[in-house]
Amino acid sequence: MNQEQNDTPRYFQVTPSGAYYATLNTEPETLRALLLQLLSADTHIPYLGSLLQKLTGLPEAEAETLLDKAVQHGFIDLPEAPETIAAGTIEELLPKLLPSLADGRVLLADDQGFCLGQSGFEDEEAEAIAGMAADLVSMHERHQALLGRHLGIDGSSWALIDAVGQSELGFWTLHVGEQKFLLILEGMPHLNRQPFVDLMSVLIRRYLDY
């Protein structure tokens, strides 16, 4: 399908699954690069074959095959009315976005233990949890070879679980270029919603270094 042959305008829309995949790791990959470019845009990008080729750097047939793969995996939608792109500084947007990401309290920290924003924690708690998150990043990096090469576990997120295996406090690692962030969520996470896409878009626009 190509909008240049279609009267109804459609737009690229990264889904929550696509936003998560884009920030799952930093392995170079054409699909991940496309998702990051779409998330970094501050305006809606129309679905046009010529634009898709420019975004991917691929010939027309290969670019369309890549897009088909993204759509089939649920990483990209092509709606006529895309979601509004979150506008504003990260300082303005975090208080609006973070409370929507879990049933309980939420905190966003970088891999150095700095708290960028939080919802529901006391200030001293937030600083301590951000520091603990940085320790988890260091621990994971030390044991990454064991987890990935020997155990076949590619994820980099951790959780404190209850007796039935449900997360009480989850530490979700997000990669934006060389920068790592920890999204700390109390209780049931809600990463399958638009605020998560908005958060990733805000972080990518701020921190991704092309």
C-alpha atoms as a PDB file:
ATOM      1  CA  MET A   1       0.000   0.000   0.000  1.00  0.00           C
ATOM      2  CA  ASN A   2       1.311   3.427  -0.899  1.00  0.00           C
ATOM      3  CA  GLN A   3      -0.397   6.696  -0.009  1.00  0.00           C
ATOM      4  CA  GLU A   4       0.894   8.252  -3.198  1.00  0.00           C
ATOM      5  CA  GLN A   5      -1.677   5.986  -4.873  1.00  0.00           C
ATOM      6  CA  ASN A   6      -4.341   6.522  -2.218  1.00  0.00           C
ATOM      7  CA  ASP A   7      -6.653   9.523  -1.797  1.00  0.00           C
ATOM      8  CA  THR A   8      -6.976   9.087   1.981  1.00  0.00           C
ATOM      9  CA  PRO A   9      -4.010  10.547   3.897  1.00  0.00           C
ATOM     10  CA  ARG A  10      -2.428   8.178   6.398  1.00  0.00           C
ATOM     11  CA  TYR A  11       0.374   8.770   8.871  1.00  0.00           C
ATOM     12  CA  PHE A  12       3.109   6.776  10.572  1.00  0.00           C
ATOM     13  CA  GLN A  13       2.164   6.033  14.196  1.00  0.00           C
ATOM     14  CA  VAL A  14       4.545   4.162  16.513  1.00  0.00           C
ATOM     15  CA  THR A  15       2.626   1.903  18.903  1.00  0.00           C
ATOM     16  CA  PRO A  16       3.528   1.226  22.563  1.00  0.00           C
ATOM     17  CA  SER A  17       5.045  -2.098  21.467  1.00  0.00           C
ATOM     18  CA  GLY A  18       7.095  -0.270  18.854  1.00  0.00           C
ATOM     19  CA  ALA A  19       8.297   2.306  21.379  1.00  0.00           C
ATOM     20  CA  TYR A  20       9.380  -0.473  23.737  1.00  0.00           C
ATOM     21  CA  TYR A  21      11.182  -2.378  20.973  1.00  0.00           C
ATOM     22  CA  ALA A  22      12.956   0.795  19.839  1.00  0.00           C
ATOM     23  CA  THR A  23      14.456   1.280  23.312  1.00  0.00           C
ATOM     24  CA  LEU A  24      14.957  -2.379  24.275  1.00  0.00           C
ATOM     25  CA  ASN A  25      18.675  -2.275  23.442  1.00  0.00           C
ATOM     26  CA  THR A  26      21.188  -0.458  21.260  1.00  0.00           C
ATOM     27  CA  GLU A  27      21.855  -3.202  18.720  1.00  0.00           C
ATOM     28  CA  PRO A  28      22.052  -1.551  15.265  1.00  0.00           C
ATOM     29  CA  GLU A  29      19.034  -2.630  13.233  1.00  0.00           C
ATOM     30  CA  THR A  30      17.135  -1.050  10.349  1.00  0.00           C
ATOM     31  CA  LEU A  31      13.736  -1.531  11.992  1.00  0.00           C
ATOM     32  CA  ARG A  32      14.912  -0.009  15.278  1.00  0.00           C
ATOM     33  CA  ALA A  33      16.452   2.920  13.396  1.00  0.00           C
ATOM     34  CA  LEU A  34      13.143   3.579  11.629  1.00  0.00           C
ATOM     35  CA  LEU A  35      11.208   3.500  14.905  1.00  0.00           C
ATOM     36  CA  LEU A  36      13.678   5.889  16.553  1.00  0.00           C
ATOM     37  CA  GLN A  37      13.404   8.329  13.664  1.00  0.00           C
ATOM     38  CA  LEU A  38       9.614   8.294  13.816  1.00  0.00           C
ATOM     39  CA  LEU A  39       9.630   8.759  17.594  1.00  0.00           C
ATOM     40  CA  SER A  40      12.046  11.682  17.310  1.00  0.00           C
ATOM     41  CA  ALA A  41       9.724  13.624  14.994  1.00  0.00           C
ATOM     42  CA  ASP A  42       7.856  16.565  16.495  1.00  0.00           C
ATOM     43  CA  THR A  43       5.280  16.579  13.675  1.00  0.00           C
ATOM     44  CA  HIS A  44       3.181  13.847  12.091  1.00  0.00           C
ATOM     45  CA  ILE A  45       4.946  12.164   9.166  1.00  0.00           C
ATOM     46  CA  PRO A  46       2.676  11.161   6.273  1.00  0.00           C
ATOM     47  CA  TYR A  47       2.975   7.692   4.848  1.00  0.00           C
ATOM     48  CA  LEU A  48       4.568   8.230   1.454  1.00  0.00           C
ATOM     49  CA  GLY A  49       6.816   5.794  -0.345  1.00  0.00           C
ATOM     50  CA  SER A  50       9.357   8.501  -1.051  1.00  0.00           C
ATOM     51  CA  LEU A  51       9.505   9.507   2.630  1.00  0.00           C
ATOM     52  CA  LEU A  52       9.767   5.889   3.735  1.00  0.00           C
ATOM     53  CA  GLN A  53      12.768   5.395   1.453  1.00  0.00           C
ATOM     54  CA  LYS A  54      14.371   8.548   2.852  1.00  0.00           C
ATOM     55  CA  LEU A  55      13.763   7.431   6.444  1.00  0.00           C
ATOM     56  CA  THR A  56      15.151   3.933   5.918  1.00  0.00           C
ATOM     57  CA  GLY A  57      17.786   4.608   3.287  1.00  0.00           C
ATOM     58  CA  LEU A  58      16.511   1.548   1.427  1.00  0.00           C
ATOM     59  CA  PRO A  59      15.223   0.996  -2.103  1.00  0.00           C
ATOM     60  CA  GLU A  60      11.442   1.083  -2.502  1.00  0.00           C
ATOM     61  CA  ALA A  61      10.785  -2.666  -2.350  1.00  0.00           C
ATOM     62  CA  GLU A  62      13.038  -3.213   0.687  1.00  0.00           C
ATOM     63  CA  ALA A  63      11.582  -0.187   2.485  1.00  0.00           C
ATOM     64  CA  GLU A  64       8.031  -1.465   1.957  1.00  0.00           C
ATOM     65  CA  THR A  65       9.057  -4.935   3.167  1.00  0.00           C
ATOM     66  CA  LEU A  66      10.500  -3.385   6.324  1.00  0.00           C
ATOM     67  CA  LEU A  67       7.310  -1.410   6.915  1.00  0.00           C
ATOM     68  CA  ASP A  68       5.187  -4.529   6.380  1.00  0.00           C
ATOM     69  CA  LYS A  69       7.284  -6.293   9.029  1.00  0.00           C
ATOM     70  CA  ALA A  70       6.796  -3.394  11.473  1.00  0.00           C
ATOM     71  CA  VAL A  71       3.029  -3.383  10.897  1.00  0.00           C
ATOM     72  CA  GLN A  72       2.750  -7.176  11.242  1.00  0.00           C
ATOM     73  CA  HIS A  73       4.644  -7.068  14.544  1.00  0.00           C
ATOM     74  CA  GLY A  74       2.346  -4.312  15.806  1.00  0.00           C
ATOM     75  CA  PHE A  75       5.165  -1.767  16.018  1.00  0.00           C
ATOM     76  CA  ILE A  76       3.706   0.767  13.563  1.00  0.00           C
ATOM     77  CA  ASP A  77       0.142   1.705  12.634  1.00  0.00           C
ATOM     78  CA  LEU A  78      -0.945   3.805   9.653  1.00  0.00           C
ATOM     79  CA  PRO A  79      -4.020   5.678  10.929  1.00  0.00           C
ATOM     80  CA  GLU A  80      -5.831   8.512   9.217  1.00  0.00           C
ATOM     81  CA  ALA A  81      -5.999  10.390  12.548  1.00  0.00           C
ATOM     82  CA  PRO A  82      -2.769   9.803  14.516  1.00  0.00           C
ATOM     83  CA  GLU A  83      -2.342  10.486  18.214  1.00  0.00           C
ATOM     84  CA  THR A  84      -1.365  14.008  19.210  1.00  0.00           C
ATOM     85  CA  ILE A  85       2.395  14.393  19.634  1.00  0.00           C
ATOM     86  CA  ALA A  86       3.306  15.482  23.154  1.00  0.00           C
ATOM     87  CA  ALA A  87       4.639  19.027  23.033  1.00  0.00           C
ATOM     88  CA  GLY A  88       6.679  20.785  25.705  1.00  0.00           C
ATOM     89  CA  THR A  89       9.878  20.345  27.668  1.00  0.00           C
ATOM     90  CA  ILE A  90      10.673  17.157  29.516  1.00  0.00           C
ATOM     91  CA  GLU A  91      10.301  19.044  32.790  1.00  0.00           C
ATOM     92  CA  GLU A  92       6.769  20.066  31.805  1.00  0.00           C
ATOM     93  CA  LEU A  93       5.692  16.683  30.462  1.00  0.00           C
ATOM     94  CA  LEU A  94       7.012  14.200  33.031  1.00  0.00           C
ATOM     95  CA  PRO A  95       4.491  15.187  35.756  1.00  0.00           C
ATOM     96  CA  LYS A  96       1.690  14.564  33.246  1.00  0.00           C
ATOM     97  CA  LEU A  97       2.991  11.307  31.770  1.00  0.00           C
ATOM     98  CA  LEU A  98       4.502   9.368  34.675  1.00  0.00           C
ATOM     99  CA  PRO A  99       1.318   8.819  36.775  1.00  0.00           C
ATOM    100  CA  SER A 100      -0.322   7.012  33.831  1.00  0.00           C
ATOM    101  CA  LEU A 101       2.367   4.340  33.555  1.00  0.00           C
ATOM    102  CA  ALA A 102       1.492   2.141  36.553  1.00  0.00           C
ATOM    103  CA  ASP A 103      -1.164   1.445  39.183  1.00  0.00           C
ATOM    104  CA  GLY A 104       1.177   2.725  41.882  1.00  0.00           C
ATOM    105  CA  ARG A 105       4.104   5.079  42.202  1.00  0.00           C
ATOM    106  CA  VAL A 106       6.434   5.844  39.288  1.00  0.00           C
ATOM    107  CA  LEU A 107       9.977   7.176  38.975  1.00  0.00           C
ATOM    108  CA  LEU A 108      12.273   7.900  36.035  1.00  0.00           C
ATOM    109  CA  ALA A 109      16.033   7.881  36.653  1.00  0.00           C
ATOM    110  CA  ASP A 110      19.175   7.826  34.543  1.00  0.00           C
ATOM    111  CA  ASP A 111      21.937   5.240  34.846  1.00  0.00           C
ATOM    112  CA  GLN A 112      23.939   7.563  37.094  1.00  0.00           C
ATOM    113  CA  GLY A 113      21.236   7.509  39.755  1.00  0.00           C
ATOM    114  CA  PHE A 114      19.767  10.931  39.025  1.00  0.00           C
ATOM    115  CA  CYS A 115      15.987  11.201  39.422  1.00  0.00           C
ATOM    116  CA  LEU A 116      14.507  13.004  36.422  1.00  0.00           C
ATOM    117  CA  GLY A 117      10.938  12.869  37.676  1.00  0.00           C
ATOM    118  CA  GLN A 118       8.620  10.879  39.898  1.00  0.00           C
ATOM    119  CA  SER A 119       5.031  10.455  41.026  1.00  0.00           C
ATOM    120  CA  GLY A 120       4.032   9.434  44.542  1.00  0.00           C
ATOM    121  CA  PHE A 121       7.396   8.951  46.263  1.00  0.00           C
ATOM    122  CA  GLU A 122       8.791  11.113  49.026  1.00  0.00           C
ATOM    123  CA  ASP A 123      11.866  13.061  47.935  1.00  0.00           C
ATOM    124  CA  GLU A 124      14.262  10.998  50.068  1.00  0.00           C
ATOM    125  CA  GLU A 125      12.691   7.769  48.790  1.00  0.00           C
ATOM    126  CA  ALA A 126      13.020   8.942  45.197  1.00  0.00           C
ATOM    127  CA  GLU A 127      16.727   9.728  45.589  1.00  0.00           C
ATOM    128  CA  ALA A 128      17.409   6.362  47.237  1.00  0.00           C
ATOM    129  CA  ILE A 129      15.471   4.376  44.625  1.00  0.00           C
ATOM    130  CA  ALA A 130      17.190   6.226  41.782  1.00  0.00           C
ATOM    131  CA  GLY A 131      20.533   5.265  43.324  1.00  0.00           C
ATOM    132  CA  MET A 132      19.430   1.640  43.663  1.00  0.00           C
ATOM    133  CA  ALA A 133      18.383   1.684  39.992  1.00  0.00           C
ATOM    134  CA  ALA A 134      21.889   2.765  39.004  1.00  0.00           C
ATOM    135  CA  ASP A 135      23.305  -0.163  41.009  1.00  0.00           C
ATOM    136  CA  LEU A 136      21.009  -2.534  39.103  1.00  0.00           C
ATOM    137  CA  VAL A 137      22.305  -1.184  35.789  1.00  0.00           C
ATOM    138  CA  SER A 138      25.893  -1.834  36.920  1.00  0.00           C
ATOM    139  CA  MET A 139      25.026  -5.331  38.131  1.00  0.00           C
ATOM    140  CA  HIS A 140      23.320  -6.185  34.853  1.00  0.00           C
ATOM    141  CA  GLU A 141      26.287  -4.939  32.832  1.00  0.00           C
ATOM    142  CA  ARG A 142      28.658  -7.112  34.885  1.00  0.00           C
ATOM    143  CA  HIS A 143      26.583 -10.230  34.230  1.00  0.00           C
ATOM    144  CA  GLN A 144      25.327  -9.432  30.727  1.00  0.00           C
ATOM    145  CA  ALA A 145      27.454 -12.110  29.081  1.00  0.00           C
ATOM    146  CA  LEU A 146      26.076 -14.788  31.404  1.00  0.00           C
ATOM    147  CA  LEU A 147      22.468 -13.720  30.891  1.00  0.00           C
ATOM    148  CA  GLY A 148      22.640 -13.243  27.133  1.00  0.00           C
ATOM    149  CA  ARG A 149      25.230 -15.677  25.794  1.00  0.00           C
ATOM    150  CA  HIS A 150      24.760 -18.565  28.226  1.00  0.00           C
ATOM    151  CA  LEU A 151      21.178 -18.288  29.439  1.00  0.00           C
ATOM    152  CA  GLY A 152      19.669 -16.742  26.306  1.00  0.00           C
ATOM    153  CA  ILE A 153      17.968 -13.922  28.244  1.00  0.00           C
ATOM    154  CA  ASP A 154      18.096 -10.701  26.235  1.00  0.00           C
ATOM    155  CA  GLY A 155      16.108  -8.447  28.565  1.00  0.00           C
ATOM    156  CA  SER A 156      17.693  -5.943  30.926  1.00  0.00           C
ATOM    157  CA  SER A 157      14.776  -5.173  33.253  1.00  0.00           C
ATOM    158  CA  TRP A 158      14.450  -6.397  36.836  1.00  0.00           C
ATOM    159  CA  ALA A 159      11.653  -6.694  39.386  1.00  0.00           C
ATOM    160  CA  LEU A 160      10.915  -7.366  43.038  1.00  0.00           C
ATOM    161  CA  ILE A 161       8.092  -9.904  42.923  1.00  0.00           C
ATOM    162  CA  ASP A 162       5.481 -11.179  45.355  1.00  0.00           C
ATOM    163  CA  ALA A 163       4.715 -14.796  46.245  1.00  0.00           C
ATOM    164  CA  VAL A 164       2.793 -15.432  43.010  1.00  0.00           C
ATOM    165  CA  GLY A 165       5.410 -13.849  40.765  1.00  0.00           C
ATOM    166  CA  GLN A 166       3.727 -10.490  40.178  1.00  0.00           C
ATOM    167  CA  SER A 167       5.917  -7.416  40.173  1.00  0.00           C
ATOM    168  CA  GLU A 168       5.714  -5.228  43.252  1.00  0.00           C
ATOM    169  CA  LEU A 169       8.434  -2.892  42.028  1.00  0.00           C
ATOM    170  CA  GLY A 170       9.764  -3.168  38.485  1.00  0.00           C
ATOM    171  CA  PHE A 171      12.899  -1.597  37.012  1.00  0.00           C
ATOM    172  CA  TRP A 172      12.537  -1.206  33.246  1.00  0.00           C
ATOM    173  CA  THR A 173      15.724  -0.336  31.380  1.00  0.00           C
ATOM    174  CA  LEU A 174      15.271   1.950  28.389  1.00  0.00           C
ATOM    175  CA  HIS A 175      18.057   2.704  25.897  1.00  0.00           C
ATOM    176  CA  VAL A 176      18.157   6.032  24.063  1.00  0.00           C
ATOM    177  CA  GLY A 177      21.351   6.040  22.043  1.00  0.00           C
ATOM    178  CA  GLU A 178      24.173   5.502  24.530  1.00  0.00           C
ATOM    179  CA  GLN A 179      22.057   6.832  27.401  1.00  0.00           C
ATOM    180  CA  LYS A 180      20.213   4.423  29.704  1.00  0.00           C
ATOM    181  CA  PHE A 181      17.145   5.254  31.748  1.00  0.00           C
ATOM    182  CA  LEU A 182      15.344   3.291  34.434  1.00  0.00           C
ATOM    183  CA  LEU A 183      11.571   3.462  34.626  1.00  0.00           C
ATOM    184  CA  ILE A 184      10.605   2.279  38.112  1.00  0.00           C
ATOM    185  CA  LEU A 185       6.993   1.164  38.393  1.00  0.00           C
ATOM    186  CA  GLU A 186       5.083   0.082  41.491  1.00  0.00           C
ATOM    187  CA  GLY A 187       2.360  -2.493  40.865  1.00  0.00           C
ATOM    188  CA  MET A 188       0.821  -3.257  37.496  1.00  0.00           C
ATOM    189  CA  PRO A 189       2.647  -1.455  34.648  1.00  0.00           C
ATOM    190  CA  HIS A 190       0.702   0.272  31.879  1.00  0.00           C
ATOM    191  CA  LEU A 191       3.303   0.412  29.136  1.00  0.00           C
ATOM    192  CA  ASN A 192       0.738  -0.585  26.510  1.00  0.00           C
ATOM    193  CA  ARG A 193      -0.774   2.905  26.450  1.00  0.00           C
ATOM    194  CA  GLN A 194      -0.089   6.132  24.589  1.00  0.00           C
ATOM    195  CA  PRO A 195       1.610   7.929  27.537  1.00  0.00           C
ATOM    196  CA  PHE A 196       4.482   5.430  27.254  1.00  0.00           C
ATOM    197  CA  VAL A 197       4.924   6.321  23.579  1.00  0.00           C
ATOM    198  CA  ASP A 198       4.838   9.998  24.523  1.00  0.00           C
ATOM    199  CA  LEU A 199       7.483   9.466  27.210  1.00  0.00           C
ATOM    200  CA  MET A 200       9.784   7.657  24.796  1.00  0.00           C
ATOM    201  CA  SER A 201       9.268  10.354  22.185  1.00  0.00           C
ATOM    202  CA  VAL A 202      10.155  13.071  24.701  1.00  0.00           C
ATOM    203  CA  LEU A 203      13.302  11.245  25.848  1.00  0.00           C
ATOM    204  CA  ILE A 204      14.404  10.500  22.292  1.00  0.00           C
ATOM    205  CA  ARG A 205      13.901  14.099  21.152  1.00  0.00           C
ATOM    206  CA  ARG A 206      15.939  15.270  24.150  1.00  0.00           C
ATOM    207  CA  TYR A 207      18.721  12.698  24.393  1.00  0.00           C
ATOM    208  CA  LEU A 208      19.161  10.774  21.135  1.00  0.00           C
ATOM    209  CA  ASP A 209      22.396  11.744  19.455  1.00  0.00           C
ATOM    210  CA  TYR A 210      22.368  11.042  15.747  1.00  0.00           C
END
